[in-house]
Protein backbone atom coordinates (compact mmCIF):
# COMPACT_ATOMS: atom_id res chain seq x y z
CA MET A 1 -11.25 33.87 18.46
CA SER A 2 -11.10 35.24 21.85
CA THR A 3 -7.34 36.53 22.76
CA SER A 4 -8.37 37.10 26.78
CA ASP A 5 -6.32 33.65 27.55
CA PRO A 6 -2.73 34.77 27.91
CA VAL A 7 -1.93 31.38 27.18
CA LEU A 8 -3.67 31.90 23.87
CA ALA A 9 -2.16 35.57 23.84
CA ARG A 10 1.15 34.51 24.14
CA ILE A 11 1.43 31.85 20.91
CA LEU A 12 -0.46 34.52 18.61
CA ALA A 13 2.44 36.84 19.20
CA ARG A 14 4.84 34.20 18.88
CA LEU A 15 3.51 33.50 15.30
CA HIS A 16 4.75 36.75 14.26
CA ASP A 17 8.17 36.13 15.72
CA PRO A 18 10.97 37.33 13.23
CA ASP A 19 12.46 33.84 14.21
CA ASP A 20 11.16 31.19 11.91
CA THR A 21 11.75 28.35 14.51
CA VAL A 22 9.81 30.21 17.09
CA ARG A 23 7.32 30.46 14.72
CA SER A 24 7.16 26.60 13.60
CA LEU A 25 7.12 25.79 17.37
CA ALA A 26 4.54 28.58 17.98
CA VAL A 27 2.02 26.58 15.08
CA ALA A 28 2.49 23.51 17.16
CA ALA A 29 1.79 24.77 20.48
CA LEU A 30 -1.48 26.08 18.63
CA ALA A 31 -2.68 22.79 17.73
CA ASP A 32 -2.28 21.49 21.07
CA ILE A 33 -4.87 24.22 22.27
CA ALA A 34 -6.64 24.93 19.14
CA THR A 35 -10.57 24.78 18.11
CA ASP A 36 -12.03 25.55 14.94
CA ASP A 37 -11.93 29.08 15.41
CA GLU A 38 -8.09 29.01 15.06
CA VAL A 39 -8.08 27.02 11.76
CA PRO A 40 -7.48 30.50 9.54
CA LEU A 41 -3.97 30.88 11.50
CA PHE A 42 -2.92 27.75 10.35
CA VAL A 43 -4.47 28.33 7.04
CA THR A 44 -1.85 31.63 7.46
CA ALA A 45 0.90 29.69 8.55
CA LEU A 46 1.03 28.08 5.14
CA GLN A 47 1.66 31.42 3.31
CA ASP A 48 4.75 31.43 5.78
CA GLU A 49 8.39 33.00 3.72
CA SER A 50 9.41 29.73 5.90
CA ALA A 51 9.30 26.46 4.43
CA ALA A 52 9.35 24.68 7.89
CA VAL A 53 6.50 26.72 9.71
CA ARG A 54 3.97 25.64 6.62
CA ALA A 55 5.44 22.09 6.80
CA ARG A 56 3.84 22.46 10.39
CA ALA A 57 0.59 24.26 9.52
CA ALA A 58 0.07 21.91 7.04
CA GLN A 59 0.70 19.00 9.15
CA VAL A 60 -1.49 20.34 11.80
CA LEU A 61 -4.59 20.72 9.70
CA ALA A 62 -4.88 17.33 9.17
CA ASP A 63 -7.02 17.56 12.28
CA TYR A 64 -8.88 20.60 11.39
CA LEU A 65 -10.11 19.57 7.77
CA ASN A 66 -13.04 21.34 6.23
CA ALA A 67 -13.71 23.19 2.71
CA SER A 68 -11.29 26.06 3.24
CA SER A 69 -8.34 24.28 4.87
CA ILE A 70 -8.63 21.46 1.80
CA VAL A 71 -8.93 24.53 -0.58
CA ALA A 72 -5.34 25.71 1.46
CA LEU A 73 -3.78 22.45 1.46
CA HIS A 74 -4.92 21.99 -1.94
CA ARG A 75 -2.69 24.95 -2.78
CA ALA A 76 0.41 23.60 -0.88
CA LEU A 77 0.46 20.71 -2.92
CA SER A 78 2.08 23.08 -5.68
CA ASP A 79 4.77 24.46 -3.05
CA PRO A 80 8.16 24.86 -4.34
CA ILE A 81 9.71 22.89 -0.88
CA ALA A 82 9.10 18.82 -0.85
CA ALA A 83 8.32 18.62 2.93
CA VAL A 84 5.62 21.34 2.12
CA ARG A 85 3.99 19.23 -0.45
CA PHE A 86 4.54 16.15 1.32
CA ALA A 87 2.77 17.21 4.49
CA ALA A 88 -0.22 18.53 2.71
CA ALA A 89 -0.36 15.31 0.70
CA GLN A 90 -0.20 13.56 3.89
CA SER A 91 -2.93 15.88 5.97
CA LEU A 92 -5.60 15.36 3.20
CA SER A 93 -4.46 11.61 3.06
CA GLU A 94 -6.44 11.57 6.33
CA LEU A 95 -10.11 13.16 5.21
CA LYS A 96 -12.60 10.66 5.98
CA ASP A 97 -15.87 12.32 4.66
CA PRO A 98 -17.16 11.66 0.73
CA ILE A 99 -18.43 14.88 0.87
CA PHE A 100 -15.20 16.06 0.17
CA ALA A 101 -14.98 14.14 -2.55
CA THR A 102 -16.34 16.52 -5.37
CA GLN A 103 -14.43 19.20 -4.35
CA LEU A 104 -11.06 17.41 -4.84
CA LEU A 105 -12.29 16.09 -8.33
CA ASP A 106 -12.79 19.22 -9.29
CA TYR A 107 -9.18 20.18 -8.36
CA LEU A 108 -7.75 16.87 -10.10
CA GLY A 109 -9.09 18.14 -13.66
CA SER A 110 -6.38 20.44 -13.41
CA ALA A 111 -3.82 19.77 -11.43
CA SER A 112 -0.46 18.07 -12.47
CA GLY A 113 2.44 16.24 -11.24
CA PHE A 114 2.55 15.83 -7.49
CA ALA A 115 -0.44 17.93 -6.81
CA LYS A 116 -2.35 15.70 -9.04
CA ALA A 117 -0.94 12.49 -7.26
CA GLY A 118 -2.06 13.90 -3.96
CA LEU A 119 -5.23 14.53 -4.83
CA LEU A 120 -5.74 10.93 -5.94
CA ARG A 121 -4.33 9.27 -2.74
CA ALA A 122 -7.02 11.49 -1.03
CA LEU A 123 -9.38 10.10 -3.21
CA ARG A 124 -8.00 6.79 -2.52
CA GLU A 125 -9.10 7.06 1.12
CA LEU A 126 -12.89 8.63 0.39
CA ARG A 127 -13.27 6.00 -2.09
CA ALA A 128 -15.66 7.94 -4.10
CA GLU A 129 -17.24 5.82 -7.15
CA ALA A 130 -17.13 9.41 -9.26
CA ALA A 131 -13.12 9.09 -9.18
CA ALA A 132 -12.74 5.73 -11.17
CA HIS A 133 -13.19 7.63 -14.19
CA PRO A 134 -10.39 10.02 -14.12
CA ALA A 135 -8.10 7.52 -11.90
CA THR A 136 -8.61 5.10 -14.50
CA LEU A 137 -7.61 8.55 -17.53
CA ALA A 138 -4.83 8.77 -14.78
CA LEU A 139 -3.15 5.59 -15.50
CA GLN A 140 -1.88 7.21 -18.85
CA GLU A 141 -0.27 10.12 -17.42
CA ASN A 142 3.63 10.57 -17.60
CA ASP A 143 4.09 10.86 -14.13
CA ALA A 144 5.08 7.22 -12.17
CA ASP A 145 3.00 8.76 -8.82
CA VAL A 146 0.13 10.05 -10.63
CA ARG A 147 -0.31 6.05 -11.88
CA ARG A 148 0.40 4.58 -8.63
CA GLU A 149 -1.63 6.54 -6.50
CA ALA A 150 -4.08 5.81 -9.78
CA ILE A 151 -4.12 2.42 -9.21
CA GLY A 152 -4.44 2.66 -5.51
CA VAL A 153 -8.02 4.80 -6.05
CA LEU A 154 -9.01 1.86 -8.85
CA GLY A 155 -7.67 -0.89 -6.02
CA TYR A 156 -9.78 0.39 -3.03
CA LEU A 157 -13.01 0.65 -4.91
CA LYS A 158 -12.51 -2.44 -6.86
CA PHE A 159 -13.25 -1.43 -10.23
CA ALA A 160 -13.11 -3.98 -12.49
CA THR A 161 -13.09 -2.48 -15.71
CA ALA A 162 -9.90 -1.24 -15.31
CA LEU A 163 -8.01 -4.93 -15.23
CA PRO A 164 -7.48 -4.74 -18.71
CA ALA A 165 -5.19 -1.65 -17.96
CA LEU A 166 -4.18 -2.33 -14.70
CA SER A 167 -2.69 -5.74 -16.29
CA ALA A 168 -0.89 -3.70 -19.38
CA LEU A 169 0.78 -1.89 -16.43
CA ALA A 170 1.68 -4.90 -14.08
CA ILE A 171 3.38 -5.91 -17.32
CA SER A 172 5.08 -3.13 -19.11
CA ASP A 173 5.22 0.07 -17.07
CA PRO A 174 8.84 1.26 -16.88
CA ASP A 175 8.39 2.14 -13.36
CA ARG A 176 8.86 -1.03 -10.76
CA VAL A 177 6.81 0.99 -7.95
CA VAL A 178 4.01 1.42 -10.33
CA ARG A 179 4.50 -2.29 -11.71
CA LYS A 180 4.03 -4.19 -8.00
CA ALA A 181 1.19 -1.64 -7.32
CA ALA A 182 -0.61 -2.75 -10.40
CA VAL A 183 0.08 -6.43 -9.58
CA GLY A 184 -1.52 -6.00 -6.16
CA SER A 185 -4.23 -4.47 -7.30
CA LEU A 186 -4.85 -7.67 -9.70
CA VAL A 187 -6.19 -9.07 -6.40
CA MET A 188 -9.49 -7.97 -7.52
CA GLY A 189 -10.04 -9.87 -10.53
CA ARG A 190 -10.47 -13.36 -10.94
CA GLU A 191 -11.18 -12.81 -14.71
CA SER A 192 -9.03 -14.56 -17.19
CA VAL A 193 -7.06 -11.22 -18.28
CA ALA A 194 -5.26 -11.01 -14.48
CA ILE A 195 -4.29 -14.27 -14.28
CA PRO A 196 -1.50 -14.22 -17.45
CA ALA A 197 -0.71 -10.90 -16.42
CA LEU A 198 0.44 -12.30 -12.78
CA ILE A 199 1.96 -15.23 -13.82
CA GLN A 200 4.64 -12.97 -16.30
CA ALA A 201 4.94 -10.98 -13.71
CA LEU A 202 6.74 -14.00 -11.82
CA THR A 203 9.48 -13.05 -14.76
CA ASP A 204 9.84 -9.22 -13.74
CA GLU A 205 13.21 -8.40 -13.03
CA ASP A 206 12.65 -6.81 -10.20
CA TRP A 207 11.99 -9.15 -7.15
CA GLU A 208 9.57 -7.09 -5.12
CA VAL A 209 7.28 -7.47 -7.92
CA ARG A 210 7.87 -11.15 -8.87
CA GLU A 211 7.30 -11.39 -4.87
CA GLU A 212 3.88 -9.20 -5.33
CA ALA A 213 2.44 -11.75 -8.13
CA ALA A 214 3.39 -14.65 -5.95
CA ILE A 215 1.03 -13.41 -3.10
CA VAL A 216 -1.95 -12.31 -5.55
CA LEU A 217 -2.10 -15.71 -7.21
CA GLY A 218 -2.12 -17.51 -4.18
CA LYS A 219 -4.48 -14.72 -2.69
CA LEU A 220 -6.59 -15.72 -5.91
CA ARG A 221 -5.98 -19.58 -5.90
CA ALA A 222 -5.00 -19.77 -9.38
CA ILE A 223 -4.62 -22.91 -9.64
CA GLN A 224 -3.18 -22.39 -13.59
CA SER A 225 -0.67 -20.83 -12.11
CA VAL A 226 0.86 -23.65 -10.71
CA PRO A 227 3.66 -24.49 -13.06
CA ALA A 228 4.88 -21.24 -13.06
CA LEU A 229 4.75 -20.82 -9.15
CA LEU A 230 6.87 -23.76 -9.01
CA GLN A 231 9.54 -22.64 -11.45
CA VAL A 232 10.01 -19.36 -8.89
CA LEU A 233 11.22 -21.98 -6.57
CA GLU A 234 14.32 -22.01 -7.73
CA ASP A 235 13.84 -17.71 -7.75
CA ALA A 236 17.85 -15.77 -6.79
CA TYR A 237 15.70 -14.46 -3.83
CA TRP A 238 14.60 -16.43 -0.80
CA GLN A 239 11.61 -13.66 -0.33
CA VAL A 240 9.82 -14.76 -3.37
CA ARG A 241 10.47 -18.15 -2.99
CA VAL A 242 8.19 -18.32 0.22
CA LYS A 243 5.62 -17.07 -1.28
CA ALA A 244 5.86 -18.95 -3.98
CA VAL A 245 5.98 -22.05 -1.68
CA ARG A 246 2.79 -20.13 0.69
CA SER A 247 0.80 -19.22 -2.84
CA LEU A 248 1.46 -23.13 -3.65
CA GLY A 249 -0.01 -24.08 -0.10
CA LEU A 250 -3.23 -21.68 -0.44
CA ILE A 251 -3.99 -23.33 -4.15
CA GLY A 252 -3.91 -26.65 -2.82
CA ALA A 253 -1.38 -27.44 -5.36
CA SER A 254 -0.91 -31.20 -5.45
CA ASP A 255 1.65 -31.21 -8.14
CA ALA A 256 3.41 -29.27 -5.96
CA VAL A 257 4.07 -31.65 -3.39
CA ALA A 258 7.21 -33.75 -4.37
CA ALA A 259 9.23 -30.10 -5.01
CA LEU A 260 7.57 -29.01 -1.53
CA LEU A 261 9.41 -32.13 0.09
CA VAL A 262 12.39 -30.88 -0.95
CA VAL A 263 12.12 -26.93 0.25
CA ALA A 264 11.41 -28.38 3.35
CA ARG A 265 14.75 -29.79 3.98
CA ALA A 266 15.70 -26.24 2.54
CA PRO A 267 18.60 -24.57 5.06
CA LEU A 268 16.51 -21.03 5.48
CA SER A 269 13.88 -22.23 8.74
CA ASN A 270 11.97 -19.34 6.71
CA LEU A 271 11.15 -21.69 3.69
CA ARG A 272 11.03 -24.99 5.76
CA LYS A 273 8.26 -23.46 7.57
CA GLU A 274 6.05 -22.23 4.89
CA ALA A 275 6.98 -25.82 3.39
CA ALA A 276 5.22 -27.22 6.44
CA THR A 277 2.30 -25.09 6.12
CA ALA A 278 1.65 -25.61 2.69
CA LEU A 279 2.18 -29.45 3.12
CA GLY A 280 -0.50 -29.35 5.78
CA LEU A 281 -2.62 -26.98 3.51
CA ILE A 282 -2.20 -29.24 0.77
CA GLY A 283 -2.93 -32.58 3.18
CA ASP A 284 -1.02 -35.13 1.25
CA LEU A 285 -0.09 -38.51 3.49
CA ALA A 286 3.64 -38.16 1.15
CA ALA A 287 4.65 -35.71 3.55
CA LEU A 288 4.01 -37.28 6.69
CA GLN A 289 7.83 -38.41 7.03
CA VAL A 290 9.20 -34.84 6.32
CA LEU A 291 7.08 -33.17 8.50
CA GLN A 292 7.54 -35.88 11.26
CA HIS A 293 11.17 -35.14 10.80
CA LEU A 294 11.02 -31.35 11.27
CA LEU A 295 8.96 -31.68 14.36
CA ASP A 296 13.02 -32.21 15.47
CA ASP A 297 13.96 -29.11 13.36
CA GLU A 298 16.14 -26.26 15.54
CA ASP A 299 13.60 -23.61 14.98
CA ALA A 300 11.09 -23.15 16.76
CA ASP A 301 8.51 -22.26 14.40
CA VAL A 302 9.23 -24.70 12.24
CA ARG A 303 8.36 -27.20 14.38
CA LYS A 304 4.94 -25.85 15.18
CA SER A 305 4.55 -25.49 12.09
CA ALA A 306 5.39 -29.34 11.27
CA ARG A 307 3.10 -30.34 13.99
CA THR A 308 0.21 -27.83 12.91
CA ALA A 309 0.60 -29.50 9.81
CA LEU A 310 0.91 -33.39 11.17
CA GLU A 311 -2.63 -32.30 12.65
CA GLN A 312 -4.41 -31.52 9.59
CA ILE A 313 -3.29 -34.55 7.18
CA LYS A 314 -3.83 -36.41 10.48
CA HIS A 315 -7.47 -34.52 10.26
CA ARG A 316 -8.30 -35.26 6.82
CA CYS A 317 -6.91 -38.50 6.22
CA PRO A 318 -7.46 -40.52 9.24
């Protein structure tokens, strides 16, 4: 690297300033003009005594990912300061070239805690098939963050072999975020093992897990889930009810028409809108009167959904 450029020379001098704020700003300034030749400076800054400087360096390295910077970011995953660890994990998640997967997998074998979670997060983006086995093993880790990131890897890979384990986590993991992630991952499989777990997740104690289960059942067009989704129309959270209504429409559940006609008159406009959309997808003539009524709804989105639904039904049943 050349120091003949006066701007670069001033920045390099500030990297050694006794004030950590000046050093942090110098790292940011260097990032604006740096080339690959300056990467070692950022790697060195990752060992600075100031956590602010280390975190800034970890952020900057997202734009300079190579074998050496990945080594440094891997070490930073074990930094004593959370902000530095999170910055390193975020930068590693920017990896796009699968060629680095082997390097990350080598680190994964001896990693634990946040470091393992960060590596799994990076591997998720790379979609490396070799990560499927260690990610499946990581589903049994005590650390909830590790389990969550392992679920992400398996979901991105659409690794159907893990469906039984993911189904078990969806209904029994003690961490609600892990349960939600596991429920979301079940969208990759139509195997019978996934649907019962999703139906059971509709009664989870956490409303976001129930909401996610309702969404996935709709995406899977799981006709066997209609009775359970109908019960969800009484959920205490309107967000869950909205997703159940939407899924009943996607499934084309003719058995749900009567219940959806009731929902179409709900006080909440989001529910009326989704009910109108669902009735249009199902295409039952019994919905015509209610949909006509919704054409005069006070909410513009409800009126639009009702018009679209009427056109769908009339097209299907001229």
